[in-house]
Amino acid sequence: MNFRAVAVFRKELRDFRRNKLVVATMVFLPLFLLLLQIANVLAIKQGTPENVVRGTLGGAGLAFFLVPLILPTVIAAYAVVGEREQGTLEPVLTTPVLERELLIGKALAAVVPSVLISYALYLSYRIVVQAAAAPVVVKLESRPAWVVADILFTPLLATFSIWVVLAISVRSNDVRVAQQLSGLAMIPMIGVIALFTFQVVTPSVRVALLGALGLLVIDSLAWRVVVRLFDRERLLTRFGST
């Protein structure tokens, strides 16, 4: 990554820190999900039917995978539409930064905080589970498949989410519309992840690795689509005339 992409990355982070809605969402939404899942898991007592335990843990697992899918939609929707509304898009597009450098910088500004927050949530959850949950919960949550899946899926899901949002943002004129459409676009991916967390597909390290490989392929294809959609001249003409 060259210095121009790094410059875009730093600029985006500065812009996001000034946006109170983005900051509040990045703080309170993950915290709410964490506390809710901890409360649900700690309510499980030894002797609870196994299907109930698996269902509760499946819901918790899905919630933690939702974080890297949802948070980037909050951030990345501002990457194009937000700049247009603030009147800063034209100056950015007229700089000598290449389209790929601009996209990478904007994507990293969304993926880095989203992944760090997701990892912090999962680590906090695991610490609480190990310290205070019933033995049956500790046993099920300690399986390597869950750990491998969380480590690998989190950055790949965040990257997928960002490419989807950027693809929608370059075609949208409103931040809220971009976020809503992005949320709808995540539904199929959420459904696939639910098959793993609720053990419709038996979780294993092998399944987790294959799933990560599939996500990597999807992310690569999505990147190609975003690069083709991000037409600097079209954006300048379109937004400059509104």
C-alpha atoms as a PDB file:
ATOM      1  CA  MET A   1       0.000   0.000   0.000  1.00  0.00           C
ATOM      2  CA  ASN A   2       1.554   3.314  -1.078  1.00  0.00           C
ATOM      3  CA  PHE A   3       1.534   6.673   0.674  1.00  0.00           C
ATOM      4  CA  ARG A   4      -1.478   7.994  -1.262  1.00  0.00           C
ATOM      5  CA  ALA A   5      -3.693   5.152  -0.082  1.00  0.00           C
ATOM      6  CA  VAL A   6      -2.387   5.730   3.456  1.00  0.00           C
ATOM      7  CA  ALA A   7      -3.228   9.417   3.141  1.00  0.00           C
ATOM      8  CA  VAL A   8      -6.805   8.547   2.121  1.00  0.00           C
ATOM      9  CA  PHE A   9      -7.011   6.095   5.036  1.00  0.00           C
ATOM     10  CA  ARG A  10      -5.946   8.769   7.535  1.00  0.00           C
ATOM     11  CA  LYS A  11      -8.291  11.358   6.049  1.00  0.00           C
ATOM     12  CA  GLU A  12     -11.239   8.966   6.267  1.00  0.00           C
ATOM     13  CA  LEU A  13     -10.515   8.157   9.914  1.00  0.00           C
ATOM     14  CA  ARG A  14     -10.377  11.867  10.761  1.00  0.00           C
ATOM     15  CA  ASP A  15     -13.705  12.433   9.007  1.00  0.00           C
ATOM     16  CA  PHE A  16     -15.360   9.516  10.789  1.00  0.00           C
ATOM     17  CA  ARG A  17     -14.158  10.690  14.202  1.00  0.00           C
ATOM     18  CA  ARG A  18     -15.910  14.016  13.595  1.00  0.00           C
ATOM     19  CA  ASN A  19     -19.209  12.286  12.785  1.00  0.00           C
ATOM     20  CA  LYS A  20     -21.067  11.833  16.068  1.00  0.00           C
ATOM     21  CA  LEU A  21     -23.602   9.399  14.599  1.00  0.00           C
ATOM     22  CA  VAL A  22     -20.859   7.094  13.312  1.00  0.00           C
ATOM     23  CA  VAL A  23     -18.931   7.218  16.588  1.00  0.00           C
ATOM     24  CA  ALA A  24     -22.056   6.590  18.686  1.00  0.00           C
ATOM     25  CA  THR A  25     -23.100   3.638  16.524  1.00  0.00           C
ATOM     26  CA  MET A  26     -19.604   2.134  16.599  1.00  0.00           C
ATOM     27  CA  VAL A  27     -19.612   2.305  20.415  1.00  0.00           C
ATOM     28  CA  PHE A  28     -23.147   1.571  21.575  1.00  0.00           C
ATOM     29  CA  LEU A  29     -24.335  -1.025  19.044  1.00  0.00           C
ATOM     30  CA  PRO A  30     -21.459  -3.477  19.709  1.00  0.00           C
ATOM     31  CA  LEU A  31     -21.720  -2.865  23.458  1.00  0.00           C
ATOM     32  CA  PHE A  32     -25.448  -3.609  23.408  1.00  0.00           C
ATOM     33  CA  LEU A  33     -24.914  -6.831  21.449  1.00  0.00           C
ATOM     34  CA  LEU A  34     -22.140  -7.917  23.812  1.00  0.00           C
ATOM     35  CA  LEU A  35     -24.159  -7.347  26.988  1.00  0.00           C
ATOM     36  CA  LEU A  36     -27.238  -9.017  25.497  1.00  0.00           C
ATOM     37  CA  GLN A  37     -25.361 -12.164  24.480  1.00  0.00           C
ATOM     38  CA  ILE A  38     -23.507 -12.376  27.798  1.00  0.00           C
ATOM     39  CA  ALA A  39     -26.826 -12.120  29.666  1.00  0.00           C
ATOM     40  CA  ASN A  40     -28.361 -14.867  27.500  1.00  0.00           C
ATOM     41  CA  VAL A  41     -25.394 -17.210  27.914  1.00  0.00           C
ATOM     42  CA  LEU A  42     -25.004 -16.687  31.663  1.00  0.00           C
ATOM     43  CA  ALA A  43     -28.697 -17.492  32.097  1.00  0.00           C
ATOM     44  CA  ILE A  44     -27.980 -21.071  30.960  1.00  0.00           C
ATOM     45  CA  LYS A  45     -27.762 -23.430  33.918  1.00  0.00           C
ATOM     46  CA  GLN A  46     -26.191 -26.858  34.114  1.00  0.00           C
ATOM     47  CA  GLY A  47     -28.808 -29.398  33.091  1.00  0.00           C
ATOM     48  CA  THR A  48     -30.438 -27.147  30.491  1.00  0.00           C
ATOM     49  CA  PRO A  49     -31.491 -29.242  27.452  1.00  0.00           C
ATOM     50  CA  GLU A  50     -28.691 -29.379  24.893  1.00  0.00           C
ATOM     51  CA  ASN A  51     -30.874 -28.102  22.053  1.00  0.00           C
ATOM     52  CA  VAL A  52     -31.623 -24.965  24.085  1.00  0.00           C
ATOM     53  CA  VAL A  53     -27.931 -24.466  24.829  1.00  0.00           C
ATOM     54  CA  ARG A  54     -26.982 -24.895  21.176  1.00  0.00           C
ATOM     55  CA  GLY A  55     -29.702 -22.472  20.085  1.00  0.00           C
ATOM     56  CA  THR A  56     -28.572 -19.807  22.540  1.00  0.00           C
ATOM     57  CA  LEU A  57     -24.926 -20.197  21.579  1.00  0.00           C
ATOM     58  CA  GLY A  58     -25.881 -20.164  17.904  1.00  0.00           C
ATOM     59  CA  GLY A  59     -27.644 -16.847  18.407  1.00  0.00           C
ATOM     60  CA  ALA A  60     -24.602 -15.454  20.202  1.00  0.00           C
ATOM     61  CA  GLY A  61     -22.286 -16.618  17.444  1.00  0.00           C
ATOM     62  CA  LEU A  62     -24.489 -15.059  14.783  1.00  0.00           C
ATOM     63  CA  ALA A  63     -24.627 -11.780  16.718  1.00  0.00           C
ATOM     64  CA  PHE A  64     -20.830 -11.530  16.800  1.00  0.00           C
ATOM     65  CA  PHE A  65     -20.627 -12.198  13.064  1.00  0.00           C
ATOM     66  CA  LEU A  66     -23.226  -9.484  12.490  1.00  0.00           C
ATOM     67  CA  VAL A  67     -20.867  -6.877  13.935  1.00  0.00           C
ATOM     68  CA  PRO A  68     -18.309  -6.985  11.073  1.00  0.00           C
ATOM     69  CA  LEU A  69     -21.214  -7.036   8.610  1.00  0.00           C
ATOM     70  CA  ILE A  70     -23.163  -4.127  10.090  1.00  0.00           C
ATOM     71  CA  LEU A  71     -20.486  -1.687  11.292  1.00  0.00           C
ATOM     72  CA  PRO A  72     -18.903  -1.174   7.851  1.00  0.00           C
ATOM     73  CA  THR A  73     -22.313  -0.218   6.440  1.00  0.00           C
ATOM     74  CA  VAL A  74     -22.440   2.620   8.979  1.00  0.00           C
ATOM     75  CA  ILE A  75     -18.968   3.859   8.048  1.00  0.00           C
ATOM     76  CA  ALA A  76     -18.575   3.113   4.368  1.00  0.00           C
ATOM     77  CA  ALA A  77     -21.929   4.598   3.306  1.00  0.00           C
ATOM     78  CA  TYR A  78     -20.364   7.992   4.022  1.00  0.00           C
ATOM     79  CA  ALA A  79     -17.355   7.185   1.835  1.00  0.00           C
ATOM     80  CA  VAL A  80     -18.992   8.499  -1.332  1.00  0.00           C
ATOM     81  CA  VAL A  81     -22.505   9.737  -0.524  1.00  0.00           C
ATOM     82  CA  GLY A  82     -21.410  11.433   2.699  1.00  0.00           C
ATOM     83  CA  GLU A  83     -18.605  13.274   0.953  1.00  0.00           C
ATOM     84  CA  ARG A  84     -20.966  14.373  -1.746  1.00  0.00           C
ATOM     85  CA  GLU A  85     -23.411  15.784   0.860  1.00  0.00           C
ATOM     86  CA  GLN A  86     -20.557  17.598   2.622  1.00  0.00           C
ATOM     87  CA  GLY A  87     -19.220  19.017  -0.632  1.00  0.00           C
ATOM     88  CA  THR A  88     -15.837  17.285  -0.315  1.00  0.00           C
ATOM     89  CA  LEU A  89     -16.231  14.644  -3.023  1.00  0.00           C
ATOM     90  CA  GLU A  90     -15.202  16.782  -5.993  1.00  0.00           C
ATOM     91  CA  PRO A  91     -11.887  17.918  -4.445  1.00  0.00           C
ATOM     92  CA  VAL A  92     -11.063  14.283  -3.588  1.00  0.00           C
ATOM     93  CA  LEU A  93     -11.899  13.026  -7.077  1.00  0.00           C
ATOM     94  CA  THR A  94      -9.765  15.703  -8.725  1.00  0.00           C
ATOM     95  CA  THR A  95      -6.617  14.705  -6.805  1.00  0.00           C
ATOM     96  CA  PRO A  96      -3.974  12.517  -8.501  1.00  0.00           C
ATOM     97  CA  VAL A  97      -4.966   9.556  -6.299  1.00  0.00           C
ATOM     98  CA  LEU A  98      -5.761   6.508  -8.425  1.00  0.00           C
ATOM     99  CA  GLU A  99      -9.191   4.884  -8.168  1.00  0.00           C
ATOM    100  CA  ARG A 100      -7.726   1.742  -6.613  1.00  0.00           C
ATOM    101  CA  GLU A 101      -5.774   3.761  -4.045  1.00  0.00           C
ATOM    102  CA  LEU A 102      -8.873   5.766  -3.172  1.00  0.00           C
ATOM    103  CA  LEU A 103     -10.988   2.638  -2.762  1.00  0.00           C
ATOM    104  CA  ILE A 104      -8.359   0.814  -0.706  1.00  0.00           C
ATOM    105  CA  GLY A 105      -7.893   3.807   1.599  1.00  0.00           C
ATOM    106  CA  LYS A 106     -11.627   4.204   2.129  1.00  0.00           C
ATOM    107  CA  ALA A 107     -12.107   0.453   2.628  1.00  0.00           C
ATOM    108  CA  LEU A 108      -9.324   0.183   5.203  1.00  0.00           C
ATOM    109  CA  ALA A 109     -10.745   3.105   7.157  1.00  0.00           C
ATOM    110  CA  ALA A 110     -13.923   1.052   7.588  1.00  0.00           C
ATOM    111  CA  VAL A 111     -12.484  -2.452   7.921  1.00  0.00           C
ATOM    112  CA  VAL A 112      -9.767  -1.734  10.506  1.00  0.00           C
ATOM    113  CA  PRO A 113     -12.020  -0.282  13.267  1.00  0.00           C
ATOM    114  CA  SER A 114     -14.782  -2.790  12.476  1.00  0.00           C
ATOM    115  CA  VAL A 115     -12.445  -5.786  12.779  1.00  0.00           C
ATOM    116  CA  LEU A 116     -10.742  -4.469  15.914  1.00  0.00           C
ATOM    117  CA  ILE A 117     -14.101  -3.883  17.602  1.00  0.00           C
ATOM    118  CA  SER A 118     -15.326  -7.336  16.546  1.00  0.00           C
ATOM    119  CA  TYR A 119     -12.249  -9.054  17.935  1.00  0.00           C
ATOM    120  CA  ALA A 120     -12.491  -7.065  21.179  1.00  0.00           C
ATOM    121  CA  LEU A 121     -16.140  -8.092  21.595  1.00  0.00           C
ATOM    122  CA  TYR A 122     -15.439 -11.755  20.968  1.00  0.00           C
ATOM    123  CA  LEU A 123     -12.454 -11.762  23.334  1.00  0.00           C
ATOM    124  CA  SER A 124     -14.509 -10.093  26.073  1.00  0.00           C
ATOM    125  CA  TYR A 125     -17.298 -12.612  25.535  1.00  0.00           C
ATOM    126  CA  ARG A 126     -14.893 -15.563  25.724  1.00  0.00           C
ATOM    127  CA  ILE A 127     -13.315 -14.261  28.928  1.00  0.00           C
ATOM    128  CA  VAL A 128     -16.725 -13.932  30.596  1.00  0.00           C
ATOM    129  CA  VAL A 129     -17.821 -17.378  29.363  1.00  0.00           C
ATOM    130  CA  GLN A 130     -14.672 -19.049  30.688  1.00  0.00           C
ATOM    131  CA  ALA A 131     -14.991 -17.272  34.026  1.00  0.00           C
ATOM    132  CA  ALA A 132     -18.703 -17.452  34.787  1.00  0.00           C
ATOM    133  CA  ALA A 133     -20.691 -19.655  32.375  1.00  0.00           C
ATOM    134  CA  ALA A 134     -21.994 -23.138  33.079  1.00  0.00           C
ATOM    135  CA  PRO A 135     -19.591 -26.025  32.249  1.00  0.00           C
ATOM    136  CA  VAL A 136     -21.748 -27.165  29.317  1.00  0.00           C
ATOM    137  CA  VAL A 137     -21.429 -23.700  27.771  1.00  0.00           C
ATOM    138  CA  VAL A 138     -17.674 -23.570  28.330  1.00  0.00           C
ATOM    139  CA  LYS A 139     -17.286 -26.979  26.702  1.00  0.00           C
ATOM    140  CA  LEU A 140     -19.258 -26.093  23.579  1.00  0.00           C
ATOM    141  CA  GLU A 141     -17.718 -22.631  23.187  1.00  0.00           C
ATOM    142  CA  SER A 142     -14.175 -23.996  23.518  1.00  0.00           C
ATOM    143  CA  ARG A 143     -14.295 -26.027  20.324  1.00  0.00           C
ATOM    144  CA  PRO A 144     -11.529 -25.008  17.869  1.00  0.00           C
ATOM    145  CA  ALA A 145     -14.013 -24.562  15.000  1.00  0.00           C
ATOM    146  CA  TRP A 146     -15.588 -21.510  16.660  1.00  0.00           C
ATOM    147  CA  VAL A 147     -12.235 -19.870  17.353  1.00  0.00           C
ATOM    148  CA  VAL A 148     -10.947 -20.482  13.822  1.00  0.00           C
ATOM    149  CA  ALA A 149     -14.203 -19.244  12.304  1.00  0.00           C
ATOM    150  CA  ASP A 150     -14.185 -16.035  14.320  1.00  0.00           C
ATOM    151  CA  ILE A 151     -10.550 -15.249  13.517  1.00  0.00           C
ATOM    152  CA  LEU A 152     -10.924 -15.891   9.784  1.00  0.00           C
ATOM    153  CA  PHE A 153     -14.516 -14.874   9.079  1.00  0.00           C
ATOM    154  CA  THR A 154     -14.422 -11.487  10.818  1.00  0.00           C
ATOM    155  CA  PRO A 155     -12.061  -9.609   8.441  1.00  0.00           C
ATOM    156  CA  LEU A 156     -13.501 -11.393   5.410  1.00  0.00           C
ATOM    157  CA  LEU A 157     -17.095 -10.505   6.339  1.00  0.00           C
ATOM    158  CA  ALA A 158     -16.093  -6.892   7.035  1.00  0.00           C
ATOM    159  CA  THR A 159     -14.374  -6.696   3.651  1.00  0.00           C
ATOM    160  CA  PHE A 160     -17.419  -8.151   1.895  1.00  0.00           C
ATOM    161  CA  SER A 161     -19.654  -5.633   3.642  1.00  0.00           C
ATOM    162  CA  ILE A 162     -17.434  -2.723   2.647  1.00  0.00           C
ATOM    163  CA  TRP A 163     -17.315  -3.671  -1.037  1.00  0.00           C
ATOM    164  CA  VAL A 164     -21.101  -4.011  -1.093  1.00  0.00           C
ATOM    165  CA  VAL A 165     -21.598  -0.619   0.559  1.00  0.00           C
ATOM    166  CA  LEU A 166     -19.102   1.105  -1.736  1.00  0.00           C
ATOM    167  CA  ALA A 167     -20.772  -0.430  -4.785  1.00  0.00           C
ATOM    168  CA  ILE A 168     -24.149   0.892  -3.604  1.00  0.00           C
ATOM    169  CA  SER A 169     -22.738   4.270  -2.528  1.00  0.00           C
ATOM    170  CA  VAL A 170     -21.425   5.143  -5.961  1.00  0.00           C
ATOM    171  CA  ARG A 171     -24.968   4.661  -7.301  1.00  0.00           C
ATOM    172  CA  SER A 172     -26.865   6.333  -4.449  1.00  0.00           C
ATOM    173  CA  ASN A 173     -27.575   9.986  -3.576  1.00  0.00           C
ATOM    174  CA  ASP A 174     -28.545   9.474   0.077  1.00  0.00           C
ATOM    175  CA  VAL A 175     -26.601   7.982   2.998  1.00  0.00           C
ATOM    176  CA  ARG A 176     -29.673   6.412   4.608  1.00  0.00           C
ATOM    177  CA  VAL A 177     -30.749   4.803   1.354  1.00  0.00           C
ATOM    178  CA  ALA A 178     -27.227   3.434   0.853  1.00  0.00           C
ATOM    179  CA  GLN A 179     -27.230   1.983   4.384  1.00  0.00           C
ATOM    180  CA  GLN A 180     -30.696   0.437   3.987  1.00  0.00           C
ATOM    181  CA  LEU A 181     -29.881  -1.137   0.635  1.00  0.00           C
ATOM    182  CA  SER A 182     -26.603  -2.423   2.065  1.00  0.00           C
ATOM    183  CA  GLY A 183     -28.473  -4.001   4.966  1.00  0.00           C
ATOM    184  CA  LEU A 184     -30.790  -5.802   2.544  1.00  0.00           C
ATOM    185  CA  ALA A 185     -27.795  -6.995   0.534  1.00  0.00           C
ATOM    186  CA  MET A 186     -26.347  -8.610   3.678  1.00  0.00           C
ATOM    187  CA  ILE A 187     -29.362 -10.895   4.234  1.00  0.00           C
ATOM    188  CA  PRO A 188     -28.132 -13.781   2.027  1.00  0.00           C
ATOM    189  CA  MET A 189     -24.719 -13.714   3.714  1.00  0.00           C
ATOM    190  CA  ILE A 190     -26.363 -13.673   7.156  1.00  0.00           C
ATOM    191  CA  GLY A 191     -28.397 -16.703   6.137  1.00  0.00           C
ATOM    192  CA  VAL A 192     -25.264 -18.608   5.113  1.00  0.00           C
ATOM    193  CA  ILE A 193     -23.459 -17.719   8.356  1.00  0.00           C
ATOM    194  CA  ALA A 194     -26.526 -18.822  10.355  1.00  0.00           C
ATOM    195  CA  LEU A 195     -26.193 -22.304   8.864  1.00  0.00           C
ATOM    196  CA  PHE A 196     -22.796 -22.522  10.585  1.00  0.00           C
ATOM    197  CA  THR A 197     -23.637 -20.866  13.918  1.00  0.00           C
ATOM    198  CA  PHE A 198     -26.860 -22.850  14.410  1.00  0.00           C
ATOM    199  CA  GLN A 199     -25.032 -26.036  13.334  1.00  0.00           C
ATOM    200  CA  VAL A 200     -27.245 -26.845  10.361  1.00  0.00           C
ATOM    201  CA  VAL A 201     -23.831 -27.425   8.830  1.00  0.00           C
ATOM    202  CA  THR A 202     -21.747 -29.300  11.395  1.00  0.00           C
ATOM    203  CA  PRO A 203     -19.063 -26.858  12.582  1.00  0.00           C
ATOM    204  CA  SER A 204     -15.491 -28.082  12.242  1.00  0.00           C
ATOM    205  CA  VAL A 205     -12.097 -26.575  11.540  1.00  0.00           C
ATOM    206  CA  ARG A 206     -12.264 -27.958   7.989  1.00  0.00           C
ATOM    207  CA  VAL A 207     -15.669 -26.369   7.379  1.00  0.00           C
ATOM    208  CA  ALA A 208     -14.400 -23.094   8.834  1.00  0.00           C
ATOM    209  CA  LEU A 209     -11.365 -23.118   6.534  1.00  0.00           C
ATOM    210  CA  LEU A 210     -13.490 -23.926   3.483  1.00  0.00           C
ATOM    211  CA  GLY A 211     -15.920 -21.176   4.451  1.00  0.00           C
ATOM    212  CA  ALA A 212     -13.059 -18.695   4.787  1.00  0.00           C
ATOM    213  CA  LEU A 213     -11.770 -19.696   1.366  1.00  0.00           C
ATOM    214  CA  GLY A 214     -15.227 -19.172  -0.112  1.00  0.00           C
ATOM    215  CA  LEU A 215     -15.458 -15.727   1.483  1.00  0.00           C
ATOM    216  CA  LEU A 216     -12.037 -14.841   0.110  1.00  0.00           C
ATOM    217  CA  VAL A 217     -13.188 -15.705  -3.410  1.00  0.00           C
ATOM    218  CA  ILE A 218     -16.382 -13.671  -2.958  1.00  0.00           C
ATOM    219  CA  ASP A 219     -14.392 -10.688  -1.644  1.00  0.00           C
ATOM    220  CA  SER A 220     -12.050 -10.858  -4.638  1.00  0.00           C
ATOM    221  CA  LEU A 221     -14.967 -10.877  -7.077  1.00  0.00           C
ATOM    222  CA  ALA A 222     -16.678  -8.042  -5.203  1.00  0.00           C
ATOM    223  CA  TRP A 223     -13.479  -5.977  -5.393  1.00  0.00           C
ATOM    224  CA  ARG A 224     -13.443  -6.331  -9.164  1.00  0.00           C
ATOM    225  CA  VAL A 225     -17.066  -5.198  -9.366  1.00  0.00           C
ATOM    226  CA  VAL A 226     -16.434  -2.125  -7.196  1.00  0.00           C
ATOM    227  CA  VAL A 227     -13.394  -1.093  -9.243  1.00  0.00           C
ATOM    228  CA  ARG A 228     -15.486  -1.215 -12.425  1.00  0.00           C
ATOM    229  CA  LEU A 229     -18.351   0.749 -10.862  1.00  0.00           C
ATOM    230  CA  PHE A 230     -16.093   3.456  -9.450  1.00  0.00           C
ATOM    231  CA  ASP A 231     -15.849   5.701 -12.483  1.00  0.00           C
ATOM    232  CA  ARG A 232     -14.192   8.991 -11.509  1.00  0.00           C
ATOM    233  CA  GLU A 233     -15.406  10.927 -14.557  1.00  0.00           C
ATOM    234  CA  ARG A 234     -18.981   9.720 -14.158  1.00  0.00           C
ATOM    235  CA  LEU A 235     -19.020  10.655 -10.485  1.00  0.00           C
ATOM    236  CA  LEU A 236     -17.613  14.113 -11.206  1.00  0.00           C
ATOM    237  CA  THR A 237     -20.191  14.715 -13.935  1.00  0.00           C
ATOM    238  CA  ARG A 238     -23.062  13.337 -11.919  1.00  0.00           C
ATOM    239  CA  PHE A 239     -22.342  15.020  -8.611  1.00  0.00           C
ATOM    240  CA  GLY A 240     -21.029  18.175 -10.149  1.00  0.00           C
ATOM    241  CA  SER A 241     -24.294  18.774 -11.918  1.00  0.00           C
ATOM    242  CA  THR A 242     -26.546  18.308  -8.869  1.00  0.00           C
END
